[in-house]
PDB file of N, CA and C in Angstrom:
ATOM      1  N   MET A   1       1.182  -1.072   0.026  1.00  0.00           N
ATOM      2  CA  MET A   1       0.042   0.460  -0.025  1.00  0.00           C
ATOM      3  C   MET A   1       0.791   1.195   0.246  1.00  0.00           C
ATOM      4  N   THR A   2       2.048   1.344   0.580  1.00  0.00           N
ATOM      5  CA  THR A   2       2.433   2.747   0.346  1.00  0.00           C
ATOM      6  C   THR A   2       3.416   2.551  -0.834  1.00  0.00           C
ATOM      7  N   VAL A   3       3.907   1.483  -1.275  1.00  0.00           N
ATOM      8  CA  VAL A   3       4.852   1.571  -2.501  1.00  0.00           C
ATOM      9  C   VAL A   3       4.097   2.025  -3.213  1.00  0.00           C
ATOM     10  N   LEU A   4       2.162   1.598  -3.547  1.00  0.00           N
ATOM     11  CA  LEU A   4       1.481   2.723  -4.364  1.00  0.00           C
ATOM     12  C   LEU A   4       1.412   3.994  -4.261  1.00  0.00           C
ATOM     13  N   LEU A   5       1.224   4.531  -2.930  1.00  0.00           N
ATOM     14  CA  LEU A   5       0.654   5.632  -2.402  1.00  0.00           C
ATOM     15  C   LEU A   5       1.856   5.979  -3.102  1.00  0.00           C
ATOM     16  N   GLY A   6       3.517   5.730  -3.270  1.00  0.00           N
ATOM     17  CA  GLY A   6       4.431   6.632  -2.926  1.00  0.00           C
ATOM     18  C   GLY A   6       4.347   7.215  -4.637  1.00  0.00           C
ATOM     19  N   ILE A   7       4.571   5.349  -6.043  1.00  0.00           N
ATOM     20  CA  ILE A   7       3.841   5.817  -6.853  1.00  0.00           C
ATOM     21  C   ILE A   7       3.343   7.059  -7.096  1.00  0.00           C
ATOM     22  N   LEU A   8       2.355   7.042  -6.603  1.00  0.00           N
ATOM     23  CA  LEU A   8       0.806   7.859  -7.243  1.00  0.00           C
ATOM     24  C   LEU A   8       1.660   8.824  -6.651  1.00  0.00           C
ATOM     25  N   ALA A   9       2.177   9.553  -5.547  1.00  0.00           N
ATOM     26  CA  ALA A   9       2.924  10.748  -5.523  1.00  0.00           C
ATOM     27  C   ALA A   9       4.166  11.109  -6.177  1.00  0.00           C
ATOM     28  N   LYS A  10       4.513  10.574  -6.298  1.00  0.00           N
ATOM     29  CA  LYS A  10       5.599  10.954  -7.694  1.00  0.00           C
ATOM     30  C   LYS A  10       5.310  10.826  -9.054  1.00  0.00           C
ATOM     31  N   LEU A  11       3.420  10.350  -9.132  1.00  0.00           N
ATOM     32  CA  LEU A  11       3.305  10.293 -10.562  1.00  0.00           C
ATOM     33  C   LEU A  11       2.694  12.138 -10.910  1.00  0.00           C
ATOM     34  N   GLY A  12       1.798  12.016  -9.371  1.00  0.00           N
ATOM     35  CA  GLY A  12       1.206  13.574  -9.211  1.00  0.00           C
ATOM     36  C   GLY A  12       1.909  14.732  -9.652  1.00  0.00           C
ATOM     37  N   GLY A  13       3.438  14.328  -8.468  1.00  0.00           N
ATOM     38  CA  GLY A  13       4.476  15.836  -8.614  1.00  0.00           C
ATOM     39  C   GLY A  13       4.134  15.776 -10.503  1.00  0.00           C
ATOM     40  N   ILE A  14       4.935  15.199 -10.676  1.00  0.00           N
ATOM     41  CA  ILE A  14       4.744  14.822 -12.744  1.00  0.00           C
ATOM     42  C   ILE A  14       4.046  15.288 -13.388  1.00  0.00           C
ATOM     43  N   PHE A  15       2.691  14.300 -12.802  1.00  0.00           N
ATOM     44  CA  PHE A  15       1.427  15.306 -13.540  1.00  0.00           C
ATOM     45  C   PHE A  15       1.732  16.546 -13.481  1.00  0.00           C
ATOM     46  N   ALA A  16       1.316  17.845 -11.656  1.00  0.00           N
ATOM     47  CA  ALA A  16       2.048  18.721 -11.659  1.00  0.00           C
ATOM     48  C   ALA A  16       3.031  20.046 -12.188  1.00  0.00           C
ATOM     49  N   LEU A  17       3.954  19.369 -12.123  1.00  0.00           N
ATOM     50  CA  LEU A  17       4.910  20.324 -12.877  1.00  0.00           C
ATOM     51  C   LEU A  17       4.339  20.663 -14.493  1.00  0.00           C
ATOM     52  N   LEU A  18       4.213  19.615 -15.382  1.00  0.00           N
ATOM     53  CA  LEU A  18       3.307  19.168 -16.396  1.00  0.00           C
ATOM     54  C   LEU A  18       2.335  20.132 -16.411  1.00  0.00           C
ATOM     55  N   LEU A  19       1.466  20.314 -15.778  1.00  0.00           N
ATOM     56  CA  LEU A  19       0.087  21.619 -15.935  1.00  0.00           C
ATOM     57  C   LEU A  19       0.695  23.309 -15.706  1.00  0.00           C
ATOM     58  N   LEU A  20       2.484  22.592 -14.751  1.00  0.00           N
ATOM     59  CA  LEU A  20       2.318  24.395 -14.469  1.00  0.00           C
ATOM     60  C   LEU A  20       2.805  24.359 -15.910  1.00  0.00           C
ATOM     61  N   VAL A  21       4.142  24.123 -16.215  1.00  0.00           N
ATOM     62  CA  VAL A  21       5.099  23.951 -17.497  1.00  0.00           C
ATOM     63  C   VAL A  21       3.735  24.695 -18.901  1.00  0.00           C
ATOM     64  N   VAL A  22       2.649  24.115 -18.761  1.00  0.00           N
ATOM     65  CA  VAL A  22       2.008  23.991 -19.313  1.00  0.00           C
ATOM     66  C   VAL A  22       1.079  26.041 -19.284  1.00  0.00           C
ATOM     67  N   ALA A  23       0.298  25.767 -17.796  1.00  0.00           N
ATOM     68  CA  ALA A  23       0.648  27.711 -17.417  1.00  0.00           C
ATOM     69  C   ALA A  23       1.219  28.860 -17.559  1.00  0.00           C
ATOM     70  N   LEU A  24       2.818  28.493 -17.096  1.00  0.00           N
ATOM     71  CA  LEU A  24       3.831  29.183 -18.095  1.00  0.00           C
ATOM     72  C   LEU A  24       3.788  29.489 -19.604  1.00  0.00           C
ATOM     73  N   LEU A  25       3.814  28.462 -20.134  1.00  0.00           N
ATOM     74  CA  LEU A  25       3.688  28.783 -21.613  1.00  0.00           C
ATOM     75  C   LEU A  25       2.150  30.081 -22.175  1.00  0.00           C
ATOM     76  N   GLY A  26       1.700  29.117 -21.398  1.00  0.00           N
ATOM     77  CA  GLY A  26       0.248  29.431 -22.295  1.00  0.00           C
ATOM     78  C   GLY A  26       1.094  31.481 -20.834  1.00  0.00           C
ATOM     79  N   GLN A  27       1.350  31.602 -20.270  1.00  0.00           N
ATOM     80  CA  GLN A  27       1.209  33.148 -19.865  1.00  0.00           C
ATOM     81  C   GLN A  27       2.974  33.898 -20.876  1.00  0.00           C
ATOM     82  N   VAL A  28       3.443  33.218 -21.439  1.00  0.00           N
ATOM     83  CA  VAL A  28       4.522  33.498 -21.870  1.00  0.00           C
ATOM     84  C   VAL A  28       4.119  34.126 -23.219  1.00  0.00           C
ATOM     85  N   LEU A  29       3.156  33.388 -23.696  1.00  0.00           N
ATOM     86  CA  LEU A  29       2.949  33.316 -25.288  1.00  0.00           C
ATOM     87  C   LEU A  29       2.281  34.499 -25.395  1.00  0.00           C
ATOM     88  N   THR A  30       1.069  34.917 -24.367  1.00  0.00           N
ATOM     89  CA  THR A  30       0.079  35.677 -24.054  1.00  0.00           C
ATOM     90  C   THR A  30       0.854  36.747 -23.844  1.00  0.00           C
ATOM     91  N   ALA A  31       1.997  37.011 -23.726  1.00  0.00           N
ATOM     92  CA  ALA A  31       3.078  38.048 -23.235  1.00  0.00           C
ATOM     93  C   ALA A  31       3.524  38.418 -24.238  1.00  0.00           C
ATOM     94  N   ALA A  32       3.738  37.296 -24.710  1.00  0.00           N
ATOM     95  CA  ALA A  32       5.226  37.763 -26.434  1.00  0.00           C
ATOM     96  C   ALA A  32       3.222  38.289 -27.596  1.00  0.00           C
ATOM     97  N   GLY A  33       1.809  38.285 -27.345  1.00  0.00           N
ATOM     98  CA  GLY A  33       1.052  38.675 -28.238  1.00  0.00           C
ATOM     99  C   GLY A  33       0.627  39.838 -27.684  1.00  0.00           C
ATOM    100  N   LEU A  34       1.143  40.481 -26.446  1.00  0.00           N
ATOM    101  CA  LEU A  34       1.237  41.500 -26.495  1.00  0.00           C
ATOM    102  C   LEU A  34       1.608  42.280 -26.542  1.00  0.00           C
ATOM    103  N   LEU A  35       2.904  42.540 -25.802  1.00  0.00           N
ATOM    104  CA  LEU A  35       4.166  42.847 -26.743  1.00  0.00           C
ATOM    105  C   LEU A  35       4.379  43.267 -28.664  1.00  0.00           C
ATOM    106  N   LEU A  36       3.558  42.323 -29.428  1.00  0.00           N
ATOM    107  CA  LEU A  36       3.895  42.673 -30.474  1.00  0.00           C
ATOM    108  C   LEU A  36       2.523  43.444 -31.194  1.00  0.00           C
ATOM    109  N   ALA A  37       1.253  43.531 -30.296  1.00  0.00           N
ATOM    110  CA  ALA A  37       0.806  43.974 -30.060  1.00  0.00           C
ATOM    111  C   ALA A  37       0.836  44.921 -30.357  1.00  0.00           C
ATOM    112  N   ALA A  38       1.509  45.632 -29.381  1.00  0.00           N
ATOM    113  CA  ALA A  38       2.152  47.149 -28.754  1.00  0.00           C
ATOM    114  C   ALA A  38       2.621  47.619 -30.029  1.00  0.00           C
ATOM    115  N   ILE A  39       3.808  47.213 -30.013  1.00  0.00           N
ATOM    116  CA  ILE A  39       4.499  47.476 -31.439  1.00  0.00           C
ATOM    117  C   ILE A  39       4.082  47.134 -32.477  1.00  0.00           C
ATOM    118  N   LYS A  40       3.609  46.818 -32.637  1.00  0.00           N
ATOM    119  CA  LYS A  40       2.317  46.807 -34.267  1.00  0.00           C
ATOM    120  C   LYS A  40       1.561  47.988 -33.574  1.00  0.00           C
ATOM    121  N   LEU A  41       0.908  48.775 -33.038  1.00  0.00           N
ATOM    122  CA  LEU A  41       0.473  50.381 -32.920  1.00  0.00           C
ATOM    123  C   LEU A  41       1.414  51.339 -32.383  1.00  0.00           C
ATOM    124  N   SER A  42       2.176  51.028 -32.381  1.00  0.00           N
ATOM    125  CA  SER A  42       3.988  52.073 -31.966  1.00  0.00           C
ATOM    126  C   SER A  42       4.447  52.420 -33.580  1.00  0.00           C
ATOM    127  N   ILE A  43       4.111  51.446 -34.543  1.00  0.00           N
ATOM    128  CA  ILE A  43       4.345  51.382 -35.689  1.00  0.00           C
ATOM    129  C   ILE A  43       2.854  52.336 -36.241  1.00  0.00           C
ATOM    130  N   VAL A  44       2.167  52.131 -36.082  1.00  0.00           N
ATOM    131  CA  VAL A  44       0.875  52.306 -36.648  1.00  0.00           C
ATOM    132  C   VAL A  44       0.868  54.299 -36.765  1.00  0.00           C
ATOM    133  N   VAL A  45       1.181  54.047 -34.795  1.00  0.00           N
ATOM    134  CA  VAL A  45       1.325  55.617 -34.157  1.00  0.00           C
ATOM    135  C   VAL A  45       2.660  56.901 -35.084  1.00  0.00           C
ATOM    136  N   ILE A  46       3.539  55.646 -35.639  1.00  0.00           N
ATOM    137  CA  ILE A  46       4.442  56.838 -35.476  1.00  0.00           C
ATOM    138  C   ILE A  46       4.119  57.256 -37.608  1.00  0.00           C
ATOM    139  N   PHE A  47       3.983  56.383 -38.058  1.00  0.00           N
ATOM    140  CA  PHE A  47       3.191  56.292 -39.448  1.00  0.00           C
ATOM    141  C   PHE A  47       1.920  57.513 -39.947  1.00  0.00           C
ATOM    142  N   VAL A  48       0.893  57.534 -38.838  1.00  0.00           N
ATOM    143  CA  VAL A  48      -0.043  58.492 -39.168  1.00  0.00           C
ATOM    144  C   VAL A  48       0.532  59.370 -39.071  1.00  0.00           C
ATOM    145  N   ALA A  49       1.743  60.151 -37.146  1.00  0.00           N
ATOM    146  CA  ALA A  49       2.775  61.149 -37.248  1.00  0.00           C
ATOM    147  C   ALA A  49       3.073  61.745 -38.219  1.00  0.00           C
ATOM    148  N   LEU A  50       4.051  60.669 -38.926  1.00  0.00           N
ATOM    149  CA  LEU A  50       4.934  61.576 -39.881  1.00  0.00           C
ATOM    150  C   LEU A  50       3.851  61.876 -40.985  1.00  0.00           C
ATOM    151  N   LEU A  51       3.199  61.290 -41.365  1.00  0.00           N
ATOM    152  CA  LEU A  51       2.121  61.557 -42.351  1.00  0.00           C
ATOM    153  C   LEU A  51       1.660  63.054 -42.015  1.00  0.00           C
ATOM    154  N   VAL A  52       0.821  63.419 -40.802  1.00  0.00           N
ATOM    155  CA  VAL A  52       0.856  64.875 -40.106  1.00  0.00           C
ATOM    156  C   VAL A  52       1.984  65.188 -40.572  1.00  0.00           C
ATOM    157  N   LEU A  53       3.169  65.600 -39.776  1.00  0.00           N
ATOM    158  CA  LEU A  53       4.084  66.810 -40.078  1.00  0.00           C
ATOM    159  C   LEU A  53       4.162  66.898 -41.149  1.00  0.00           C
ATOM    160  N   ILE A  54       3.812  65.802 -42.541  1.00  0.00           N
ATOM    161  CA  ILE A  54       3.902  65.883 -43.867  1.00  0.00           C
ATOM    162  C   ILE A  54       4.026  66.842 -43.733  1.00  0.00           C
ATOM    163  N   GLY A  55       2.554  66.741 -43.941  1.00  0.00           N
ATOM    164  CA  GLY A  55       0.969  68.070 -44.178  1.00  0.00           C
ATOM    165  C   GLY A  55       1.545  69.068 -42.739  1.00  0.00           C
ATOM    166  N   VAL A  56       1.453  68.998 -42.793  1.00  0.00           N
ATOM    167  CA  VAL A  56       1.442  70.655 -41.739  1.00  0.00           C
ATOM    168  C   VAL A  56       3.311  71.528 -42.603  1.00  0.00           C
ATOM    169  N   ALA A  57       4.174  70.572 -42.619  1.00  0.00           N
ATOM    170  CA  ALA A  57       5.091  71.481 -43.776  1.00  0.00           C
ATOM    171  C   ALA A  57       4.978  71.734 -44.362  1.00  0.00           C
ATOM    172  N   ILE A  58       3.465  70.830 -45.340  1.00  0.00           N
ATOM    173  CA  ILE A  58       3.639  71.694 -46.304  1.00  0.00           C
ATOM    174  C   ILE A  58       2.424  72.455 -46.433  1.00  0.00           C
ATOM    175  N   PHE A  59       1.420  72.722 -45.848  1.00  0.00           N
ATOM    176  CA  PHE A  59       1.088  73.725 -45.550  1.00  0.00           C
ATOM    177  C   PHE A  59       1.719  75.057 -44.938  1.00  0.00           C
ATOM    178  N   VAL A  60       2.530  74.702 -43.794  1.00  0.00           N
ATOM    179  CA  VAL A  60       3.929  75.989 -44.052  1.00  0.00           C
ATOM    180  C   VAL A  60       4.174  76.386 -45.263  1.00  0.00           C
ATOM    181  N   ASP A  61       4.766  75.438 -45.487  1.00  0.00           N
ATOM    182  CA  ASP A  61       5.712  76.020 -46.838  1.00  0.00           C
ATOM    183  C   ASP A  61       4.607  77.053 -47.925  1.00  0.00           C
ATOM    184  N   ARG A  62       3.722  76.289 -48.004  1.00  0.00           N
ATOM    185  CA  ARG A  62       1.932  76.833 -48.900  1.00  0.00           C
ATOM    186  C   ARG A  62       2.304  78.556 -48.290  1.00  0.00           C
ATOM    187  N   SER A  63       1.876  78.517 -47.144  1.00  0.00           N
ATOM    188  CA  SER A  63       1.514  79.776 -46.723  1.00  0.00           C
ATOM    189  C   SER A  63       2.768  80.557 -46.443  1.00  0.00           C
ATOM    190  N   ARG A  64       3.726  80.151 -46.535  1.00  0.00           N
ATOM    191  CA  ARG A  64       5.079  81.077 -46.522  1.00  0.00           C
ATOM    192  C   ARG A  64       4.918  81.466 -48.311  1.00  0.00           C
ATOM    193  N   ARG A  65       5.198  81.034 -49.499  1.00  0.00           N
ATOM    194  CA  ARG A  65       4.988  80.725 -50.388  1.00  0.00           C
ATOM    195  C   ARG A  65       4.180  82.458 -50.770  1.00  0.00           C
ATOM    196  N   ARG A  66       3.312  81.758 -50.410  1.00  0.00           N
ATOM    197  CA  ARG A  66       1.453  82.843 -49.810  1.00  0.00           C
ATOM    198  C   ARG A  66       2.397  84.416 -49.753  1.00  0.00           C
ATOM    199  N   ARG A  67       2.479  84.282 -48.497  1.00  0.00           N
ATOM    200  CA  ARG A  67       3.251  85.777 -47.695  1.00  0.00           C
ATOM    201  C   ARG A  67       3.928  86.421 -48.415  1.00  0.00           C
ATOM    202  N   GLU A  68       4.647  85.474 -48.984  1.00  0.00           N
ATOM    203  CA  GLU A  68       7.219  86.256 -49.706  1.00  0.00           C
ATOM    204  C   GLU A  68       5.902  86.237 -50.989  1.00  0.00           C
ATOM    205  N   ALA A  69       4.534  86.005 -51.787  1.00  0.00           N
ATOM    206  CA  ALA A  69       4.527  86.119 -53.076  1.00  0.00           C
ATOM    207  C   ALA A  69       3.770  87.214 -52.895  1.00  0.00           C
ATOM    208  N   ARG A  70       2.748  87.528 -51.947  1.00  0.00           N
ATOM    209  CA  ARG A  70       1.863  89.262 -51.685  1.00  0.00           C
ATOM    210  C   ARG A  70       2.867  90.159 -51.249  1.00  0.00           C
ATOM    211  N   ASP A  71       3.852  89.925 -50.187  1.00  0.00           N
ATOM    212  CA  ASP A  71       4.759  90.393 -50.144  1.00  0.00           C
ATOM    213  C   ASP A  71       4.947  90.920 -51.258  1.00  0.00           C
ATOM    214  N   LEU A  72       5.661  90.440 -52.614  1.00  0.00           N
ATOM    215  CA  LEU A  72       6.673  91.028 -53.234  1.00  0.00           C
ATOM    216  C   LEU A  72       5.851  91.766 -53.788  1.00  0.00           C
ATOM    217  N   SER A  73       3.843  91.325 -53.922  1.00  0.00           N
ATOM    218  CA  SER A  73       3.387  91.996 -55.573  1.00  0.00           C
ATOM    219  C   SER A  73       3.038  93.542 -55.140  1.00  0.00           C
ATOM    220  N   HIS A  74       2.899  93.700 -53.470  1.00  0.00           N
ATOM    221  CA  HIS A  74       3.311  95.088 -52.979  1.00  0.00           C
ATOM    222  C   HIS A  74       4.243  95.484 -52.829  1.00  0.00           C
ATOM    223  N   VAL A  75       5.622  95.245 -53.216  1.00  0.00           N
ATOM    224  CA  VAL A  75       6.813  95.870 -54.012  1.00  0.00           C
ATOM    225  C   VAL A  75       6.785  97.514 -55.191  1.00  0.00           C
TER     226      VAL A  75
END
């Protein structure tokens, strides 16, 4: 009887370790997925910011050229 309990205890320990490894791997995969999602989101935000900056630069340049053209026509 004690031999059977010893064997079951060892098997239970191995089974518990296996379940722990599976749970930890699931957590690691979830964390990696969140990290990849954050990286993708930051790439999109940087791209949108770059497009906005290009638009602002074009608008500022056009305004400057109009002002220069207006100033030259009044001289």
